[in-house]
């Protein structure tokens, strides 16, 4: 499977991206994001793993899937 670098901008403060080797990460300049209930500090870049739960602000919740799963 070929992998690509992907960057997703969520609002004006949160950036979620992947590297070509399959690693995923999140960064938040506003400090309003949590991973599995732990706050991501402003300016911090955190690695993401399968089944991490991301909460952005008060209402957006996303479950991470880094590796494709069989359907």
PDB file of N, CA and C in Angstrom:
ATOM      1  N   UNK A   1       0.838  -1.169   0.000  1.00  0.00           N
ATOM      2  CA  UNK A   1       0.000   0.000   0.000  1.00  0.00           C
ATOM      3  C   UNK A   1       0.888   1.239   0.000  1.00  0.00           C
ATOM      4  N   UNK A   2       0.570   2.193  -0.833  1.00  0.00           N
ATOM      5  CA  UNK A   2       1.318   3.444  -0.887  1.00  0.00           C
ATOM      6  C   UNK A   2       0.788   4.414   0.166  1.00  0.00           C
ATOM      7  N   UNK A   3       1.685   5.101   0.843  1.00  0.00           N
ATOM      8  CA  UNK A   3       1.291   6.054   1.884  1.00  0.00           C
ATOM      9  C   UNK A   3       1.595   7.475   1.427  1.00  0.00           C
ATOM     10  N   UNK A   4       0.793   8.411   1.923  1.00  0.00           N
ATOM     11  CA  UNK A   4       0.928   9.810   1.550  1.00  0.00           C
ATOM     12  C   UNK A   4       1.006  10.671   2.808  1.00  0.00           C
ATOM     13  N   UNK A   5       1.651  11.818   2.690  1.00  0.00           N
ATOM     14  CA  UNK A   5       1.585  12.820   3.751  1.00  0.00           C
ATOM     15  C   UNK A   5       0.251  13.538   3.614  1.00  0.00           C
ATOM     16  N   UNK A   6      -0.483  13.665   4.722  1.00  0.00           N
ATOM     17  CA  UNK A   6      -1.782  14.328   4.710  1.00  0.00           C
ATOM     18  C   UNK A   6      -1.810  15.317   5.862  1.00  0.00           C
ATOM     19  N   UNK A   7      -2.346  16.502   5.613  1.00  0.00           N
ATOM     20  CA  UNK A   7      -2.536  17.489   6.669  1.00  0.00           C
ATOM     21  C   UNK A   7      -3.979  17.963   6.617  1.00  0.00           C
ATOM     22  N   UNK A   8      -4.661  17.933   7.762  1.00  0.00           N
ATOM     23  CA  UNK A   8      -6.048  18.357   7.876  1.00  0.00           C
ATOM     24  C   UNK A   8      -6.110  19.502   8.874  1.00  0.00           C
ATOM     25  N   UNK A   9      -6.634  20.633   8.430  1.00  0.00           N
ATOM     26  CA  UNK A   9      -6.783  21.792   9.313  1.00  0.00           C
ATOM     27  C   UNK A   9      -8.213  21.795   9.837  1.00  0.00           C
ATOM     28  N   UNK A  10      -8.363  21.811  11.166  1.00  0.00           N
ATOM     29  CA  UNK A  10      -9.678  21.825  11.797  1.00  0.00           C
ATOM     30  C   UNK A  10      -9.839  23.186  12.454  1.00  0.00           C
ATOM     31  N   UNK A  11     -10.683  24.028  11.884  1.00  0.00           N
ATOM     32  CA  UNK A  11     -10.801  25.389  12.386  1.00  0.00           C
ATOM     33  C   UNK A  11      -9.503  26.137  12.137  1.00  0.00           C
ATOM     34  N   UNK A  12      -9.174  27.064  13.005  1.00  0.00           N
ATOM     35  CA  UNK A  12      -7.942  27.827  12.809  1.00  0.00           C
ATOM     36  C   UNK A  12      -6.877  27.489  13.845  1.00  0.00           C
ATOM     37  N   UNK A  13      -7.104  26.438  14.653  1.00  0.00           N
ATOM     38  CA  UNK A  13      -6.144  26.138  15.714  1.00  0.00           C
ATOM     39  C   UNK A  13      -5.607  24.711  15.698  1.00  0.00           C
ATOM     40  N   UNK A  14      -6.345  23.755  15.150  1.00  0.00           N
ATOM     41  CA  UNK A  14      -5.966  22.347  15.243  1.00  0.00           C
ATOM     42  C   UNK A  14      -5.490  21.833  13.896  1.00  0.00           C
ATOM     43  N   UNK A  15      -4.369  21.124  13.907  1.00  0.00           N
ATOM     44  CA  UNK A  15      -3.826  20.508  12.690  1.00  0.00           C
ATOM     45  C   UNK A  15      -3.621  19.028  12.978  1.00  0.00           C
ATOM     46  N   UNK A  16      -4.160  18.162  12.096  1.00  0.00           N
ATOM     47  CA  UNK A  16      -3.954  16.720  12.189  1.00  0.00           C
ATOM     48  C   UNK A  16      -3.241  16.306  10.919  1.00  0.00           C
ATOM     49  N   UNK A  17      -2.191  15.501  11.049  1.00  0.00           N
ATOM     50  CA  UNK A  17      -1.443  15.113   9.864  1.00  0.00           C
ATOM     51  C   UNK A  17      -0.914  13.698   9.949  1.00  0.00           C
ATOM     52  N   UNK A  18      -0.470  13.202   8.792  1.00  0.00           N
ATOM     53  CA  UNK A  18       0.205  11.909   8.740  1.00  0.00           C
ATOM     54  C   UNK A  18       1.502  12.077   7.988  1.00  0.00           C
ATOM     55  N   UNK A  19       2.452  11.234   8.315  1.00  0.00           N
ATOM     56  CA  UNK A  19       3.719  11.204   7.600  1.00  0.00           C
ATOM     57  C   UNK A  19       3.678  10.033   6.625  1.00  0.00           C
ATOM     58  N   UNK A  20       4.541  10.045   5.643  1.00  0.00           N
ATOM     59  CA  UNK A  20       4.575   9.002   4.636  1.00  0.00           C
ATOM     60  C   UNK A  20       4.813   7.607   5.187  1.00  0.00           C
ATOM     61  N   UNK A  21       5.344   7.516   6.407  1.00  0.00           N
ATOM     62  CA  UNK A  21       5.584   6.202   7.006  1.00  0.00           C
ATOM     63  C   UNK A  21       4.381   5.686   7.787  1.00  0.00           C
ATOM     64  N   UNK A  22       3.271   6.420   7.751  1.00  0.00           N
ATOM     65  CA  UNK A  22       2.053   5.966   8.406  1.00  0.00           C
ATOM     66  C   UNK A  22       1.808   6.536   9.789  1.00  0.00           C
ATOM     67  N   UNK A  23       2.777   7.236  10.358  1.00  0.00           N
ATOM     68  CA  UNK A  23       2.554   7.844  11.677  1.00  0.00           C
ATOM     69  C   UNK A  23       1.596   9.014  11.545  1.00  0.00           C
ATOM     70  N   UNK A  24       0.741   9.186  12.549  1.00  0.00           N
ATOM     71  CA  UNK A  24      -0.199  10.301  12.564  1.00  0.00           C
ATOM     72  C   UNK A  24       0.082  11.170  13.787  1.00  0.00           C
ATOM     73  N   UNK A  25      -0.268  12.457  13.695  1.00  0.00           N
ATOM     74  CA  UNK A  25      -0.003  13.386  14.787  1.00  0.00           C
ATOM     75  C   UNK A  25      -1.085  14.463  14.820  1.00  0.00           C
ATOM     76  N   UNK A  26      -1.118  15.200  15.938  1.00  0.00           N
ATOM     77  CA  UNK A  26      -2.036  16.328  16.092  1.00  0.00           C
ATOM     78  C   UNK A  26      -1.296  17.458  16.795  1.00  0.00           C
ATOM     79  N   UNK A  27      -1.634  18.668  16.429  1.00  0.00           N
ATOM     80  CA  UNK A  27      -1.068  19.869  17.059  1.00  0.00           C
ATOM     81  C   UNK A  27      -2.208  20.860  17.260  1.00  0.00           C
ATOM     82  N   UNK A  28      -2.164  21.612  18.342  1.00  0.00           N
ATOM     83  CA  UNK A  28      -3.224  22.578  18.653  1.00  0.00           C
ATOM     84  C   UNK A  28      -2.590  23.861  19.167  1.00  0.00           C
ATOM     85  N   UNK A  29      -2.752  24.948  18.449  1.00  0.00           N
ATOM     86  CA  UNK A  29      -2.179  26.221  18.890  1.00  0.00           C
ATOM     87  C   UNK A  29      -3.015  26.875  19.981  1.00  0.00           C
ATOM     88  N   UNK A  30      -4.274  26.433  20.140  1.00  0.00           N
ATOM     89  CA  UNK A  30      -5.148  27.040  21.138  1.00  0.00           C
ATOM     90  C   UNK A  30      -5.238  26.285  22.446  1.00  0.00           C
ATOM     91  N   UNK A  31      -4.789  25.043  22.470  1.00  0.00           N
ATOM     92  CA  UNK A  31      -4.827  24.262  23.703  1.00  0.00           C
ATOM     93  C   UNK A  31      -6.218  23.822  24.123  1.00  0.00           C
ATOM     94  N   UNK A  32      -7.131  23.617  23.153  1.00  0.00           N
ATOM     95  CA  UNK A  32      -8.499  23.201  23.490  1.00  0.00           C
ATOM     96  C   UNK A  32      -8.777  21.759  23.088  1.00  0.00           C
ATOM     97  N   UNK A  33      -7.734  20.994  22.763  1.00  0.00           N
ATOM     98  CA  UNK A  33      -7.890  19.626  22.293  1.00  0.00           C
ATOM     99  C   UNK A  33      -7.451  18.636  23.357  1.00  0.00           C
ATOM    100  N   UNK A  34      -8.144  17.486  23.414  1.00  0.00           N
ATOM    101  CA  UNK A  34      -7.776  16.410  24.327  1.00  0.00           C
ATOM    102  C   UNK A  34      -7.598  15.124  23.527  1.00  0.00           C
ATOM    103  N   UNK A  35      -6.652  14.290  23.946  1.00  0.00           N
ATOM    104  CA  UNK A  35      -6.489  12.938  23.417  1.00  0.00           C
ATOM    105  C   UNK A  35      -6.715  11.992  24.584  1.00  0.00           C
ATOM    106  N   UNK A  36      -7.732  11.159  24.464  1.00  0.00           N
ATOM    107  CA  UNK A  36      -8.068  10.204  25.528  1.00  0.00           C
ATOM    108  C   UNK A  36      -8.221  10.897  26.878  1.00  0.00           C
ATOM    109  N   UNK A  37      -8.813  12.091  26.873  1.00  0.00           N
ATOM    110  CA  UNK A  37      -9.068  12.828  28.101  1.00  0.00           C
ATOM    111  C   UNK A  37      -7.907  13.653  28.628  1.00  0.00           C
ATOM    112  N   UNK A  38      -6.767  13.636  27.925  1.00  0.00           N
ATOM    113  CA  UNK A  38      -5.587  14.399  28.357  1.00  0.00           C
ATOM    114  C   UNK A  38      -5.404  15.582  27.408  1.00  0.00           C
ATOM    115  N   UNK A  39      -5.320  16.767  27.975  1.00  0.00           N
ATOM    116  CA  UNK A  39      -5.219  17.990  27.181  1.00  0.00           C
ATOM    117  C   UNK A  39      -3.909  18.053  26.409  1.00  0.00           C
ATOM    118  N   UNK A  40      -3.998  18.482  25.142  1.00  0.00           N
ATOM    119  CA  UNK A  40      -2.819  18.770  24.324  1.00  0.00           C
ATOM    120  C   UNK A  40      -2.475  20.230  24.583  1.00  0.00           C
ATOM    121  N   UNK A  41      -1.305  20.483  25.125  1.00  0.00           N
ATOM    122  CA  UNK A  41      -0.906  21.856  25.433  1.00  0.00           C
ATOM    123  C   UNK A  41      -0.715  22.657  24.150  1.00  0.00           C
ATOM    124  N   UNK A  42      -0.979  23.951  24.206  1.00  0.00           N
ATOM    125  CA  UNK A  42      -0.823  24.829  23.043  1.00  0.00           C
ATOM    126  C   UNK A  42       0.585  24.711  22.482  1.00  0.00           C
ATOM    127  N   UNK A  43       0.683  24.480  21.177  1.00  0.00           N
ATOM    128  CA  UNK A  43       1.973  24.368  20.507  1.00  0.00           C
ATOM    129  C   UNK A  43       2.596  22.986  20.547  1.00  0.00           C
ATOM    130  N   UNK A  44       2.021  22.079  21.313  1.00  0.00           N
ATOM    131  CA  UNK A  44       2.562  20.730  21.451  1.00  0.00           C
ATOM    132  C   UNK A  44       2.109  19.860  20.271  1.00  0.00           C
ATOM    133  N   UNK A  45       2.993  18.990  19.791  1.00  0.00           N
ATOM    134  CA  UNK A  45       2.677  18.052  18.719  1.00  0.00           C
ATOM    135  C   UNK A  45       2.688  16.654  19.327  1.00  0.00           C
ATOM    136  N   UNK A  46       1.544  15.941  19.246  1.00  0.00           N
ATOM    137  CA  UNK A  46       1.406  14.636  19.885  1.00  0.00           C
ATOM    138  C   UNK A  46       1.166  13.560  18.835  1.00  0.00           C
ATOM    139  N   UNK A  47       1.798  12.401  19.038  1.00  0.00           N
ATOM    140  CA  UNK A  47       1.577  11.247  18.167  1.00  0.00           C
ATOM    141  C   UNK A  47       0.183  10.679  18.419  1.00  0.00           C
ATOM    142  N   UNK A  48      -0.433  10.155  17.361  1.00  0.00           N
ATOM    143  CA  UNK A  48      -1.734   9.505  17.468  1.00  0.00           C
ATOM    144  C   UNK A  48      -1.584   8.020  17.188  1.00  0.00           C
ATOM    145  N   UNK A  49      -2.389   7.224  17.876  1.00  0.00           N
ATOM    146  CA  UNK A  49      -2.383   5.774  17.686  1.00  0.00           C
ATOM    147  C   UNK A  49      -3.807   5.290  17.429  1.00  0.00           C
ATOM    148  N   UNK A  50      -3.918   4.083  16.883  1.00  0.00           N
ATOM    149  CA  UNK A  50      -5.236   3.499  16.662  1.00  0.00           C
ATOM    150  C   UNK A  50      -6.072   3.566  17.932  1.00  0.00           C
ATOM    151  N   UNK A  51      -7.330   3.898  17.759  1.00  0.00           N
ATOM    152  CA  UNK A  51      -8.335   3.954  18.819  1.00  0.00           C
ATOM    153  C   UNK A  51      -8.170   5.104  19.799  1.00  0.00           C
ATOM    154  N   UNK A  52      -7.213   6.042  19.565  1.00  0.00           N
ATOM    155  CA  UNK A  52      -7.197   7.267  20.359  1.00  0.00           C
ATOM    156  C   UNK A  52      -8.501   8.009  20.104  1.00  0.00           C
ATOM    157  N   UNK A  53      -9.004   8.703  21.130  1.00  0.00           N
ATOM    158  CA  UNK A  53     -10.203   9.518  20.987  1.00  0.00           C
ATOM    159  C   UNK A  53      -9.784  10.974  21.122  1.00  0.00           C
ATOM    160  N   UNK A  54     -10.059  11.754  20.070  1.00  0.00           N
ATOM    161  CA  UNK A  54      -9.705  13.171  20.043  1.00  0.00           C
ATOM    162  C   UNK A  54     -10.961  13.987  20.317  1.00  0.00           C
ATOM    163  N   UNK A  55     -10.875  14.917  21.256  1.00  0.00           N
ATOM    164  CA  UNK A  55     -11.963  15.861  21.510  1.00  0.00           C
ATOM    165  C   UNK A  55     -11.433  17.250  21.185  1.00  0.00           C
ATOM    166  N   UNK A  56     -12.117  17.944  20.268  1.00  0.00           N
ATOM    167  CA  UNK A  56     -11.711  19.289  19.851  1.00  0.00           C
ATOM    168  C   UNK A  56     -12.773  20.263  20.337  1.00  0.00           C
ATOM    169  N   UNK A  57     -12.366  21.166  21.207  1.00  0.00           N
ATOM    170  CA  UNK A  57     -13.322  22.112  21.768  1.00  0.00           C
ATOM    171  C   UNK A  57     -14.349  21.394  22.620  1.00  0.00           C
ATOM    172  N   UNK A  58     -15.603  21.860  22.546  1.00  0.00           N
ATOM    173  CA  UNK A  58     -16.659  21.288  23.377  1.00  0.00           C
ATOM    174  C   UNK A  58     -17.449  20.177  22.706  1.00  0.00           C
ATOM    175  N   UNK A  59     -17.329  20.051  21.367  1.00  0.00           N
ATOM    176  CA  UNK A  59     -18.290  19.165  20.733  1.00  0.00           C
ATOM    177  C   UNK A  59     -17.766  18.170  19.700  1.00  0.00           C
ATOM    178  N   UNK A  60     -16.606  18.366  19.132  1.00  0.00           N
ATOM    179  CA  UNK A  60     -16.132  17.476  18.078  1.00  0.00           C
ATOM    180  C   UNK A  60     -15.343  16.332  18.704  1.00  0.00           C
ATOM    181  N   UNK A  61     -15.790  15.098  18.459  1.00  0.00           N
ATOM    182  CA  UNK A  61     -15.099  13.912  18.974  1.00  0.00           C
ATOM    183  C   UNK A  61     -14.809  12.988  17.796  1.00  0.00           C
ATOM    184  N   UNK A  62     -13.547  12.530  17.704  1.00  0.00           N
ATOM    185  CA  UNK A  62     -13.107  11.685  16.596  1.00  0.00           C
ATOM    186  C   UNK A  62     -12.340  10.495  17.167  1.00  0.00           C
ATOM    187  N   UNK A  63     -12.584   9.306  16.621  1.00  0.00           N
ATOM    188  CA  UNK A  63     -11.788   8.128  16.989  1.00  0.00           C
ATOM    189  C   UNK A  63     -10.775   7.897  15.874  1.00  0.00           C
ATOM    190  N   UNK A  64      -9.506   7.677  16.235  1.00  0.00           N
ATOM    191  CA  UNK A  64      -8.414   7.550  15.274  1.00  0.00           C
ATOM    192  C   UNK A  64      -8.311   6.115  14.760  1.00  0.00           C
ATOM    193  N   UNK A  65      -8.127   5.996  13.450  1.00  0.00           N
ATOM    194  CA  UNK A  65      -7.783   4.720  12.830  1.00  0.00           C
ATOM    195  C   UNK A  65      -6.620   4.993  11.897  1.00  0.00           C
ATOM    196  N   UNK A  66      -5.416   4.584  12.306  1.00  0.00           N
ATOM    197  CA  UNK A  66      -4.219   4.852  11.535  1.00  0.00           C
ATOM    198  C   UNK A  66      -4.035   3.787  10.454  1.00  0.00           C
ATOM    199  N   UNK A  67      -4.162   2.531  10.828  1.00  0.00           N
ATOM    200  CA  UNK A  67      -4.009   1.429   9.872  1.00  0.00           C
ATOM    201  C   UNK A  67      -5.368   1.027   9.332  1.00  0.00           C
ATOM    202  N   UNK A  68      -5.486   0.765   8.020  1.00  0.00           N
ATOM    203  CA  UNK A  68      -6.756   0.310   7.481  1.00  0.00           C
ATOM    204  C   UNK A  68      -7.149  -1.039   8.082  1.00  0.00           C
ATOM    205  N   UNK A  69      -8.418  -1.230   8.283  1.00  0.00           N
ATOM    206  CA  UNK A  69      -8.930  -2.489   8.825  1.00  0.00           C
ATOM    207  C   UNK A  69      -9.754  -3.189   7.752  1.00  0.00           C
ATOM    208  N   UNK A  70      -9.748  -4.524   7.756  1.00  0.00           N
ATOM    209  CA  UNK A  70     -10.547  -5.240   6.756  1.00  0.00           C
ATOM    210  C   UNK A  70     -12.022  -4.933   6.926  1.00  0.00           C
ATOM    211  N   UNK A  71     -12.726  -4.873   5.826  1.00  0.00           N
ATOM    212  CA  UNK A  71     -14.169  -4.565   5.867  1.00  0.00           C
ATOM    213  C   UNK A  71     -14.962  -5.837   6.000  1.00  0.00           C
TER     214      UNK A  71
END
